């Protein structure tokens, strides 16, 4: 029955006649629920709720601007609804109403990505659209989908605006092939940097498995309950630490298969709710990129890397670099988003990030004045017991730590995902301040229970901070608070119900030479 409910709910969501839309939604509600044969009072607010709750895709409902704000008392029965539904469908066809089966539509409403005090970037998905006109606070731009890659006419679209005012709210309007589409989304720019750093909070997580096709059987829907508490956390942005999509069974072999998988995962309701709750940033790892533990030898890395870039409104890749690399700043924190797959040469442990990416990272760190400098990678950076997939297996990591020591770069903190368990590490070396790393995983994917067994090499990690190993679905939160010498960084881990499991705090003054 859910299939029929979603089908008719999707049709009703896109009808441009309010009476038809309301009746269709009511039909889907009452025909497949125990609430039939009841009186119902409808007003403007209830109509909005109905359209929102029964839409096939959250946020795609259409609220008519000219709907009268009067209550309508009606009696609904399965019989009357069954009679009226074909009449209403025929009426809508005669009136030229467009449905998801006819014409254009906004498949996924826009969400906010990379943002500064003068610019912001948004992402959305459309179907059957040749041209979009977007207006953000009166700043108009036109985007053609002619050369964009997608799946079954569903294409990802990214748009950005520059020259905006700091700490300002802008409302986005959208026209699909000349037809205005209800959006009503508002986005805020950042405040101007000040001499007094403000508090900062962001959420993070990795290993986001959403089954599609027959693989839907592998992970029942209750695993996605983690998104409700994650969505509810008040944070400045959310950071995806890799394996945000799991490409399986040759889904990495062709653009159609890869874009299909990304599209299906992006259309997952709980995931969308999180995406729309706060600005988003993301890094890639092996499952976004290709086969398990894939590296730079993967034959289709340019295609899968482009697909990742098409689905995440990240900062621009720096000139001269390949892969999904970027940098952004929030307050007195800098974030360096690294690509540990595109350049990795795992055979012989030659390199994980490659000379070009490492040269860029070193230059940026030398120029950075940030209190905290977060180096974000899919694989762990400090663990010495993670066999095969840790940066410590590469000379490149040892050279980087020596660079930090010789050039006296303060405030470096590592963030990673990948491991299907969570832990915090602390590395102390002579002539160097303590280095901290938070590994946070998984959001919805399978759990790696081996670290709980004494026979597993990762059971005892000498760098692990006591009490921080968690083998359960979880997400993290990082808080930057305080002033001067008391400026601090706190790692907080929440379980899939949002309950705090543990937290650890260290001061910026500890990360000095």
Protein backbone atom coordinates (compact mmCIF):
# COMPACT_ATOMS: atom_id res chain seq x y z
CA UNK A 1 0.00 0.00 0.00
CA UNK A 2 2.91 2.31 0.66
CA UNK A 3 3.80 2.20 -3.02
CA UNK A 4 0.35 3.49 -4.01
CA UNK A 5 0.41 6.08 -1.22
CA UNK A 6 3.77 7.44 -2.36
CA UNK A 7 2.72 7.38 -6.01
CA UNK A 8 -0.42 9.43 -5.54
CA UNK A 9 1.24 11.55 -2.86
CA UNK A 10 3.97 12.41 -5.33
CA UNK A 11 1.43 13.34 -8.01
CA UNK A 12 -0.50 15.54 -5.61
CA UNK A 13 2.67 17.25 -4.42
CA UNK A 14 3.22 18.75 -7.82
CA UNK A 15 -0.28 19.68 -8.91
CA UNK A 16 -0.81 23.40 -9.36
CA UNK A 17 -4.51 23.39 -8.39
CA UNK A 18 -4.82 23.54 -4.60
CA UNK A 19 -8.19 21.80 -4.35
CA UNK A 20 -6.95 18.85 -6.39
CA UNK A 21 -3.74 18.62 -4.42
CA UNK A 22 -5.55 18.65 -1.09
CA UNK A 23 -8.10 16.03 -2.12
CA UNK A 24 -5.47 13.71 -3.54
CA UNK A 25 -3.42 13.92 -0.37
CA UNK A 26 -6.48 13.32 1.77
CA UNK A 27 -7.31 10.30 -0.32
CA UNK A 28 -3.86 8.79 0.26
CA UNK A 29 -4.07 9.50 3.97
CA UNK A 30 -7.53 8.09 4.62
CA UNK A 31 -7.62 5.22 2.15
CA UNK A 32 -4.59 3.59 3.75
CA UNK A 33 -5.09 4.50 7.38
CA UNK A 34 -7.51 3.88 10.21
CA UNK A 35 -8.66 7.47 10.14
CA UNK A 36 -11.25 7.02 7.41
CA UNK A 37 -14.92 7.79 7.97
CA UNK A 38 -14.06 10.71 10.25
CA UNK A 39 -14.90 14.37 10.12
CA UNK A 40 -11.94 16.64 9.52
CA UNK A 41 -11.54 20.40 9.71
CA UNK A 42 -9.02 21.78 7.26
CA UNK A 43 -7.37 25.16 7.51
CA UNK A 44 -4.35 26.69 5.80
CA UNK A 45 -1.91 25.34 8.37
CA UNK A 46 -3.27 21.80 8.24
CA UNK A 47 -3.11 21.79 4.47
CA UNK A 48 0.56 22.70 4.67
CA UNK A 49 1.19 19.88 7.12
CA UNK A 50 -0.68 17.37 4.97
CA UNK A 51 1.23 18.29 1.86
CA UNK A 52 4.52 18.06 3.72
CA UNK A 53 3.94 14.80 5.52
CA UNK A 54 2.61 12.82 2.59
CA UNK A 55 5.02 14.02 -0.08
CA UNK A 56 7.14 11.35 -1.71
CA UNK A 57 10.18 13.57 -1.26
CA UNK A 58 10.39 15.82 1.82
CA UNK A 59 10.17 19.47 0.97
CA UNK A 60 8.78 19.11 -2.55
CA UNK A 61 5.20 19.92 -1.63
CA UNK A 62 3.48 22.84 -3.31
CA UNK A 63 1.71 25.40 -1.12
CA UNK A 64 -0.50 27.65 -3.27
CA UNK A 65 0.06 31.31 -2.51
CA UNK A 66 -3.57 32.19 -3.15
CA UNK A 67 -5.16 29.54 -0.95
CA UNK A 68 -7.94 31.06 1.16
CA UNK A 69 -7.23 30.86 4.88
CA UNK A 70 -10.63 29.48 5.76
CA UNK A 71 -11.58 26.22 7.39
CA UNK A 72 -13.29 23.55 5.32
CA UNK A 73 -15.32 20.86 7.12
CA UNK A 74 -15.65 17.68 5.10
CA UNK A 75 -16.55 14.07 5.72
CA UNK A 76 -14.28 11.56 4.08
CA UNK A 77 -15.04 7.91 3.47
CA UNK A 78 -13.20 5.30 1.48
CA UNK A 79 -16.15 5.11 -0.88
CA UNK A 80 -16.39 8.85 -1.55
CA UNK A 81 -12.64 9.17 -1.96
CA UNK A 82 -12.57 6.22 -4.31
CA UNK A 83 -15.22 7.92 -6.45
CA UNK A 84 -13.67 11.35 -6.46
CA UNK A 85 -10.06 10.37 -7.17
CA UNK A 86 -10.50 9.48 -10.90
CA UNK A 87 -12.68 12.58 -11.37
CA UNK A 88 -10.04 14.80 -9.85
CA UNK A 89 -7.25 13.23 -11.89
CA UNK A 90 -9.18 13.80 -15.11
CA UNK A 91 -9.94 17.36 -14.05
CA UNK A 92 -6.28 18.06 -13.33
CA UNK A 93 -5.31 16.67 -16.74
CA UNK A 94 -7.86 18.89 -18.49
CA UNK A 95 -6.58 21.91 -16.57
CA UNK A 96 -3.05 21.18 -17.68
CA UNK A 97 -1.70 20.43 -14.22
CA UNK A 98 1.77 18.94 -14.30
CA UNK A 99 2.56 15.78 -12.34
CA UNK A 100 5.87 13.98 -11.72
CA UNK A 101 4.98 11.85 -14.74
CA UNK A 102 4.57 14.91 -16.95
CA UNK A 103 6.92 17.86 -17.17
CA UNK A 104 9.51 19.25 -14.83
CA UNK A 105 10.00 19.03 -11.13
CA UNK A 106 12.31 19.77 -8.26
CA UNK A 107 13.26 16.30 -7.04
CA UNK A 108 15.34 17.42 -4.06
CA UNK A 109 15.02 20.98 -2.73
CA UNK A 110 18.19 23.04 -2.28
CA UNK A 111 20.43 22.68 0.74
CA UNK A 112 23.37 24.84 1.78
CA UNK A 113 27.01 23.91 1.29
CA UNK A 114 30.19 25.95 1.43
CA UNK A 115 29.52 29.38 2.91
CA UNK A 116 31.58 32.47 3.75
CA UNK A 117 30.70 35.96 4.93
CA UNK A 118 30.31 37.10 1.30
CA UNK A 119 29.29 33.93 -0.57
CA UNK A 120 27.24 30.77 -0.35
CA UNK A 121 26.74 27.63 -2.40
CA UNK A 122 23.60 25.51 -2.70
CA UNK A 123 22.81 22.09 -4.18
CA UNK A 124 19.57 20.63 -5.55
CA UNK A 125 18.32 17.98 -7.95
CA UNK A 126 15.86 18.43 -10.82
CA UNK A 127 14.22 16.09 -13.29
CA UNK A 128 13.28 16.76 -16.90
CA UNK A 129 14.46 20.37 -16.73
CA UNK A 130 16.44 22.08 -19.48
CA UNK A 131 17.07 25.41 -17.79
CA UNK A 132 16.91 26.78 -14.25
CA UNK A 133 16.63 30.41 -13.30
CA UNK A 134 17.63 31.09 -9.72
CA UNK A 135 17.20 34.30 -7.79
CA UNK A 136 18.89 34.77 -4.41
CA UNK A 137 17.83 38.04 -2.90
CA UNK A 138 17.33 39.46 -6.40
CA UNK A 139 20.67 38.17 -7.72
CA UNK A 140 19.67 36.17 -10.77
CA UNK A 141 21.56 33.41 -12.55
CA UNK A 142 20.65 30.90 -15.26
CA UNK A 143 21.91 27.31 -15.33
CA UNK A 144 21.55 24.90 -18.24
CA UNK A 145 21.41 21.16 -17.62
CA UNK A 146 22.32 20.31 -21.21
CA UNK A 147 25.86 19.13 -20.39
CA UNK A 148 25.21 17.80 -16.90
CA UNK A 149 25.46 14.10 -16.10
CA UNK A 150 22.60 12.42 -14.26
CA UNK A 151 20.40 9.37 -14.15
CA UNK A 152 17.00 9.07 -15.85
CA UNK A 153 16.82 12.82 -16.44
CA UNK A 154 17.54 13.50 -12.76
CA UNK A 155 20.56 15.78 -12.58
CA UNK A 156 22.40 17.39 -9.67
CA UNK A 157 22.67 21.17 -9.84
CA UNK A 158 25.02 23.42 -7.89
CA UNK A 159 24.86 27.20 -7.75
CA UNK A 160 26.88 29.78 -5.87
CA UNK A 161 26.68 33.50 -5.29
CA UNK A 162 29.41 36.00 -4.41
CA UNK A 163 29.41 39.60 -3.27
CA UNK A 164 26.80 39.00 -0.55
CA UNK A 165 26.51 40.86 2.74
CA UNK A 166 27.80 39.32 5.93
CA UNK A 167 25.39 37.78 8.45
CA UNK A 168 22.43 38.22 6.10
CA UNK A 169 19.51 35.97 5.20
CA UNK A 170 18.69 35.47 1.52
CA UNK A 171 15.59 33.77 0.12
CA UNK A 172 15.95 31.59 -2.97
CA UNK A 173 13.40 31.58 -5.82
CA UNK A 174 13.48 28.94 -8.57
CA UNK A 175 12.04 28.77 -12.09
CA UNK A 176 12.13 25.43 -13.94
CA UNK A 177 11.95 26.04 -17.68
CA UNK A 178 10.23 29.33 -16.99
CA UNK A 179 7.73 27.99 -14.45
CA UNK A 180 8.14 29.30 -10.90
CA UNK A 181 8.46 26.48 -8.38
CA UNK A 182 7.63 26.85 -4.71
CA UNK A 183 10.85 26.86 -2.73
CA UNK A 184 10.85 29.35 0.10
CA UNK A 185 14.32 28.29 1.25
CA UNK A 186 16.35 30.90 3.10
CA UNK A 187 20.11 30.79 3.63
CA UNK A 188 22.39 32.84 5.88
CA UNK A 189 25.93 34.06 5.23
CA UNK A 190 28.58 34.03 7.95
CA UNK A 191 29.43 36.95 10.20
CA UNK A 192 32.54 38.97 9.49
CA UNK A 193 35.67 37.69 11.25
CA UNK A 194 36.29 39.52 14.53
CA UNK A 195 39.18 39.90 16.94
CA UNK A 196 37.23 37.92 19.52
CA UNK A 197 36.65 34.36 18.25
CA UNK A 198 33.11 33.13 18.69
CA UNK A 199 32.05 29.69 19.86
CA UNK A 200 31.85 27.09 17.10
CA UNK A 201 30.04 23.76 16.96
CA UNK A 202 29.89 21.18 14.19
CA UNK A 203 28.70 17.60 13.82
CA UNK A 204 30.41 14.79 11.95
CA UNK A 205 30.19 11.14 11.01
CA UNK A 206 31.15 8.56 8.38
CA UNK A 207 30.15 5.23 6.85
CA UNK A 208 26.65 6.05 5.65
CA UNK A 209 25.24 2.85 4.15
CA UNK A 210 21.83 3.23 2.51
CA UNK A 211 20.80 0.09 0.67
CA UNK A 212 19.27 0.40 -2.78
CA UNK A 213 17.67 -2.29 -4.93
CA UNK A 214 18.13 -5.77 -3.41
CA UNK A 215 20.65 -4.34 -0.94
CA UNK A 216 17.81 -2.61 0.90
CA UNK A 217 17.44 -5.91 2.75
CA UNK A 218 20.90 -5.58 4.28
CA UNK A 219 20.09 -2.65 6.54
CA UNK A 220 16.56 -2.31 7.94
CA UNK A 221 15.17 1.20 8.15
CA UNK A 222 15.61 1.56 11.90
CA UNK A 223 19.33 2.10 11.43
CA UNK A 224 18.49 5.52 10.00
CA UNK A 225 17.00 6.62 13.31
CA UNK A 226 20.40 8.22 14.03
CA UNK A 227 19.50 11.06 11.68
CA UNK A 228 16.75 12.48 13.87
CA UNK A 229 19.05 13.35 16.81
CA UNK A 230 21.84 14.33 14.42
CA UNK A 231 19.48 16.66 12.58
CA UNK A 232 18.29 18.14 15.89
CA UNK A 233 21.76 19.14 17.12
CA UNK A 234 22.25 22.89 16.84
CA UNK A 235 25.50 23.20 14.92
CA UNK A 236 27.17 25.55 12.48
CA UNK A 237 27.64 22.79 9.90
CA UNK A 238 27.88 19.03 9.40
CA UNK A 239 31.01 17.26 8.15
CA UNK A 240 30.85 13.90 6.32
CA UNK A 241 34.07 11.93 6.87
CA UNK A 242 33.89 9.60 3.87
CA UNK A 243 32.04 6.46 2.76
CA UNK A 244 29.01 8.71 2.41
CA UNK A 245 27.81 6.37 -0.37
CA UNK A 246 28.65 2.69 -0.79
CA UNK A 247 29.29 1.80 -4.42
CA UNK A 248 28.70 -1.96 -4.73
CA UNK A 249 28.78 -4.72 -7.33
CA UNK A 250 30.32 -2.79 -10.22
CA UNK A 251 28.29 0.37 -9.57
CA UNK A 252 31.59 2.17 -10.17
CA UNK A 253 31.93 0.85 -13.74
CA UNK A 254 29.81 3.41 -15.60
CA UNK A 255 28.44 6.92 -15.08
CA UNK A 256 24.83 5.69 -15.27
CA UNK A 257 25.35 3.17 -12.46
CA UNK A 258 27.39 5.52 -10.29
CA UNK A 259 25.00 8.44 -10.67
CA UNK A 260 22.07 6.11 -10.11
CA UNK A 261 23.51 5.01 -6.76
CA UNK A 262 24.31 8.56 -5.64
CA UNK A 263 20.82 9.66 -6.69
CA UNK A 264 19.04 6.84 -4.86
CA UNK A 265 21.00 7.44 -1.66
CA UNK A 266 20.45 11.19 -1.83
CA UNK A 267 16.69 10.60 -2.09
CA UNK A 268 16.59 8.77 1.23
CA UNK A 269 14.21 10.74 3.47
CA UNK A 270 16.17 10.78 6.77
CA UNK A 271 19.37 11.68 4.92
CA UNK A 272 17.62 14.58 3.21
CA UNK A 273 16.32 15.87 6.52
CA UNK A 274 19.89 16.08 7.82
CA UNK A 275 21.14 17.74 4.63
CA UNK A 276 18.53 20.47 4.97
CA UNK A 277 19.14 21.06 8.68
CA UNK A 278 22.54 22.81 8.42
CA UNK A 279 25.31 23.56 5.87
CA UNK A 280 27.18 20.47 4.65
CA UNK A 281 30.79 19.60 3.86
CA UNK A 282 32.18 16.20 2.82
CA UNK A 283 35.35 14.28 2.02
CA UNK A 284 35.63 11.11 -0.03
CA UNK A 285 36.88 7.65 0.88
CA UNK A 286 37.11 4.27 -0.83
CA UNK A 287 33.38 3.46 -1.07
CA UNK A 288 32.49 6.87 -2.54
CA UNK A 289 35.39 6.35 -4.91
CA UNK A 290 35.30 2.71 -6.07
CA UNK A 291 35.91 -0.82 -4.77
CA UNK A 292 36.83 -1.54 -1.16
CA UNK A 293 40.29 -0.16 -0.26
CA UNK A 294 40.69 1.23 -3.77
CA UNK A 295 43.55 3.59 -4.59
CA UNK A 296 44.93 5.75 -7.40
CA UNK A 297 45.26 2.73 -9.68
CA UNK A 298 41.46 2.47 -9.94
CA UNK A 299 40.64 2.79 -13.64
CA UNK A 300 37.51 4.93 -13.26
CA UNK A 301 38.70 7.37 -10.62
CA UNK A 302 38.10 10.50 -12.71
CA UNK A 303 34.46 9.60 -13.29
CA UNK A 304 33.67 8.68 -9.69
CA UNK A 305 35.56 11.73 -8.41
CA UNK A 306 33.48 13.95 -10.68
CA UNK A 307 30.29 12.30 -9.45
CA UNK A 308 31.31 13.00 -5.84
CA UNK A 309 32.01 16.64 -6.73
CA UNK A 310 28.64 16.91 -8.50
CA UNK A 311 26.80 15.80 -5.35
CA UNK A 312 28.63 17.83 -2.69
CA UNK A 313 28.69 21.68 -2.71
CA UNK A 314 32.21 21.82 -1.29
CA UNK A 315 34.81 24.59 -1.65
CA UNK A 316 36.53 24.74 -5.02
CA UNK A 317 39.45 22.40 -5.61
CA UNK A 318 42.66 24.50 -5.47
CA UNK A 319 44.30 25.27 -8.81
CA UNK A 320 46.67 22.58 -10.01
CA UNK A 321 45.25 19.79 -7.84
CA UNK A 322 43.21 16.74 -8.79
CA UNK A 323 40.76 14.80 -6.69
CA UNK A 324 38.36 16.19 -4.12
CA UNK A 325 40.50 18.55 -2.07
CA UNK A 326 39.55 21.82 -0.42
CA UNK A 327 39.82 24.23 2.46
CA UNK A 328 37.37 26.36 4.41
CA UNK A 329 37.44 28.46 7.56
CA UNK A 330 35.01 29.03 10.39
CA UNK A 331 35.93 31.56 13.05
CA UNK A 332 39.46 30.85 14.25
CA UNK A 333 39.45 27.32 12.77
CA UNK A 334 40.74 26.13 9.40
CA UNK A 335 39.62 22.86 7.82
CA UNK A 336 41.74 21.04 5.25
CA UNK A 337 39.70 18.47 3.30
CA UNK A 338 42.04 15.82 1.90
CA UNK A 339 41.55 13.14 -0.77
CA UNK A 340 43.29 9.96 0.35
CA UNK A 341 42.20 7.84 -2.61
CA UNK A 342 42.84 9.63 -5.89
CA UNK A 343 46.64 9.83 -5.40
CA UNK A 344 47.17 6.82 -3.14
CA UNK A 345 49.70 4.20 -4.24
CA UNK A 346 49.06 1.44 -1.75
CA UNK A 347 51.37 -1.12 -3.34
CA UNK A 348 54.71 -0.64 -1.63
CA UNK A 349 53.14 2.04 0.62
CA UNK A 350 54.48 4.77 -1.68
CA UNK A 351 52.02 7.58 -0.88
CA UNK A 352 48.52 8.27 0.41
CA UNK A 353 48.04 11.90 -0.57
CA UNK A 354 50.78 12.49 -3.14
CA UNK A 355 53.41 15.26 -3.45
CA UNK A 356 51.13 17.89 -5.04
CA UNK A 357 48.47 17.59 -2.34
CA UNK A 358 51.09 17.49 0.44
CA UNK A 359 52.88 20.56 -0.93
CA UNK A 360 49.55 22.42 -0.93
CA UNK A 361 48.77 21.31 2.62
CA UNK A 362 52.18 22.38 3.94
CA UNK A 363 51.89 25.81 2.30
CA UNK A 364 48.41 26.35 3.71
CA UNK A 365 49.45 25.30 7.21
CA UNK A 366 52.43 27.67 7.16
CA UNK A 367 50.18 30.55 6.17
CA UNK A 368 47.34 29.68 8.53
CA UNK A 369 46.79 31.84 11.62
CA UNK A 370 43.97 29.62 12.91
CA UNK A 371 43.89 28.52 16.54
CA UNK A 372 42.83 25.02 15.50
CA UNK A 373 43.85 23.49 12.16
CA UNK A 374 41.75 20.43 11.38
CA UNK A 375 43.34 18.00 8.91
CA UNK A 376 40.44 15.87 7.63
CA UNK A 377 41.08 12.52 5.93
CA UNK A 378 39.12 9.35 5.33
CA UNK A 379 41.83 7.06 6.74
CA UNK A 380 43.33 7.28 10.20
CA UNK A 381 46.44 9.43 10.51
CA UNK A 382 47.97 8.35 13.83
CA UNK A 383 47.01 4.73 14.53
CA UNK A 384 49.83 2.21 14.24
CA UNK A 385 47.65 -0.88 14.70
CA UNK A 386 45.25 -0.29 11.81
CA UNK A 387 46.88 -2.62 9.32
CA UNK A 388 46.99 -1.49 5.69
CA UNK A 389 44.65 1.51 5.79
CA UNK A 390 46.45 3.91 8.12
CA UNK A 391 48.70 6.83 7.15
CA UNK A 392 51.39 5.62 9.56
CA UNK A 393 52.23 2.85 7.06
CA UNK A 394 53.58 5.54 4.73
CA UNK A 395 56.81 7.51 4.97
CA UNK A 396 54.71 10.46 3.84
CA UNK A 397 53.12 10.63 7.32
CA UNK A 398 56.47 10.61 9.15
CA UNK A 399 57.75 13.38 6.87
CA UNK A 400 54.62 15.42 7.60
CA UNK A 401 54.97 15.13 11.38
CA UNK A 402 58.59 16.18 11.06
CA UNK A 403 57.48 19.17 8.99
CA UNK A 404 55.12 20.22 11.79
CA UNK A 405 57.94 19.97 14.33
CA UNK A 406 60.62 21.75 12.29
CA UNK A 407 58.31 24.57 11.20
CA UNK A 408 56.65 24.79 14.61
CA UNK A 409 53.09 24.62 13.25
CA UNK A 410 50.71 24.84 16.24
CA UNK A 411 47.14 23.69 16.71
CA UNK A 412 46.94 20.71 14.31
CA UNK A 413 44.11 18.23 15.00
CA UNK A 414 43.20 15.17 12.89
CA UNK A 415 39.70 13.96 12.00
CA UNK A 416 38.93 10.64 10.26
CA UNK A 417 36.28 7.97 9.66
CA UNK A 418 36.42 4.60 7.87
CA UNK A 419 36.93 2.16 10.75
CA UNK A 420 33.32 1.24 11.67
CA UNK A 421 34.10 2.06 15.27
CA UNK A 422 34.93 5.27 17.12
CA UNK A 423 37.98 6.21 19.17
CA UNK A 424 40.10 9.19 20.18
CA UNK A 425 43.89 9.01 19.95
CA UNK A 426 46.64 11.09 21.49
CA UNK A 427 50.26 10.91 20.27
CA UNK A 428 53.05 12.38 22.39
CA UNK A 429 56.52 12.81 20.87
CA UNK A 430 59.71 14.50 21.97
CA UNK A 431 59.96 18.10 20.79
CA UNK A 432 56.30 18.12 19.70
CA UNK A 433 53.01 19.01 21.35
CA UNK A 434 50.43 16.19 21.77
CA UNK A 435 48.63 15.35 18.54
CA UNK A 436 44.94 14.41 18.80
CA UNK A 437 42.76 12.47 16.37
CA UNK A 438 39.04 11.71 16.47
CA UNK A 439 37.93 8.74 14.41
CA UNK A 440 34.12 8.70 14.17
CA UNK A 441 32.28 5.78 12.54
CA UNK A 442 29.76 4.41 11.56
CA UNK A 443 26.53 6.30 11.01
CA UNK A 444 24.46 3.45 9.55
CA UNK A 445 26.89 0.87 8.17
CA UNK A 446 27.85 -2.44 9.75
CA UNK A 447 29.82 -2.51 12.99
CA UNK A 448 33.39 -3.79 13.23
CA UNK A 449 33.38 -5.77 16.45
CA UNK A 450 36.90 -7.19 16.15
CA UNK A 451 38.50 -4.46 18.32
CA UNK A 452 36.44 -5.87 21.19
CA UNK A 453 38.31 -9.21 20.87
CA UNK A 454 41.68 -9.62 22.58
CA UNK A 455 43.02 -11.47 19.53
CA UNK A 456 42.55 -8.44 17.27
CA UNK A 457 45.54 -6.10 16.78
CA UNK A 458 43.28 -3.09 17.33
CA UNK A 459 42.00 -4.38 20.66
CA UNK A 460 44.81 -2.53 22.38
CA UNK A 461 45.73 0.74 20.68
CA UNK A 462 48.53 2.39 22.69
CA UNK A 463 47.41 5.80 21.47
CA UNK A 464 43.74 5.34 22.34
CA UNK A 465 42.45 7.61 25.10
CA UNK A 466 40.92 5.43 27.80
CA UNK A 467 37.17 5.02 27.58
CA UNK A 468 36.76 6.30 24.03
CA UNK A 469 36.40 3.04 22.08
CA UNK A 470 32.80 2.69 20.89
CA UNK A 471 31.58 -0.10 18.63
CA UNK A 472 28.07 1.13 17.91
CA UNK A 473 26.26 3.47 15.53
CA UNK A 474 27.18 6.99 16.54
CA UNK A 475 27.92 10.54 15.46
CA UNK A 476 30.30 13.17 16.78
CA UNK A 477 30.14 16.79 17.75
CA UNK A 478 33.08 19.17 18.10
CA UNK A 479 32.79 22.33 20.18
CA UNK A 480 35.27 25.20 20.15
CA UNK A 481 34.76 27.46 23.17
CA UNK A 482 36.43 29.97 25.48
CA UNK A 483 38.88 32.85 25.06
CA UNK A 484 42.63 33.25 25.11
CA UNK A 485 44.55 30.53 26.98
CA UNK A 486 41.25 28.84 27.86
CA UNK A 487 40.18 28.40 24.24
CA UNK A 488 39.32 24.70 24.07
CA UNK A 489 38.29 21.89 21.74
CA UNK A 490 35.82 19.28 22.96
CA UNK A 491 35.06 15.98 21.24
CA UNK A 492 31.59 14.62 22.07
CA UNK A 493 30.23 11.28 20.88
CA UNK A 494 26.48 10.55 20.74
CA UNK A 495 24.79 7.20 20.20
CA UNK A 496 22.08 6.65 17.60
CA UNK A 497 19.44 8.06 19.95
CA UNK A 498 21.39 11.24 20.55
CA UNK A 499 22.57 10.35 24.06
CA UNK A 500 26.07 11.47 24.99
CA UNK A 501 28.44 8.52 25.35
CA UNK A 502 31.68 10.34 26.18
CA UNK A 503 33.41 13.69 25.82
CA UNK A 504 37.04 14.81 26.06
CA UNK A 505 38.44 18.36 26.12
CA UNK A 506 41.90 19.79 25.44
CA UNK A 507 43.11 23.38 25.36
CA UNK A 508 44.58 25.30 22.45
CA UNK A 509 47.42 26.29 24.78
CA UNK A 510 48.40 22.59 24.92
CA UNK A 511 48.95 22.55 21.15
CA UNK A 512 51.89 24.94 21.22
CA UNK A 513 55.66 24.59 21.06
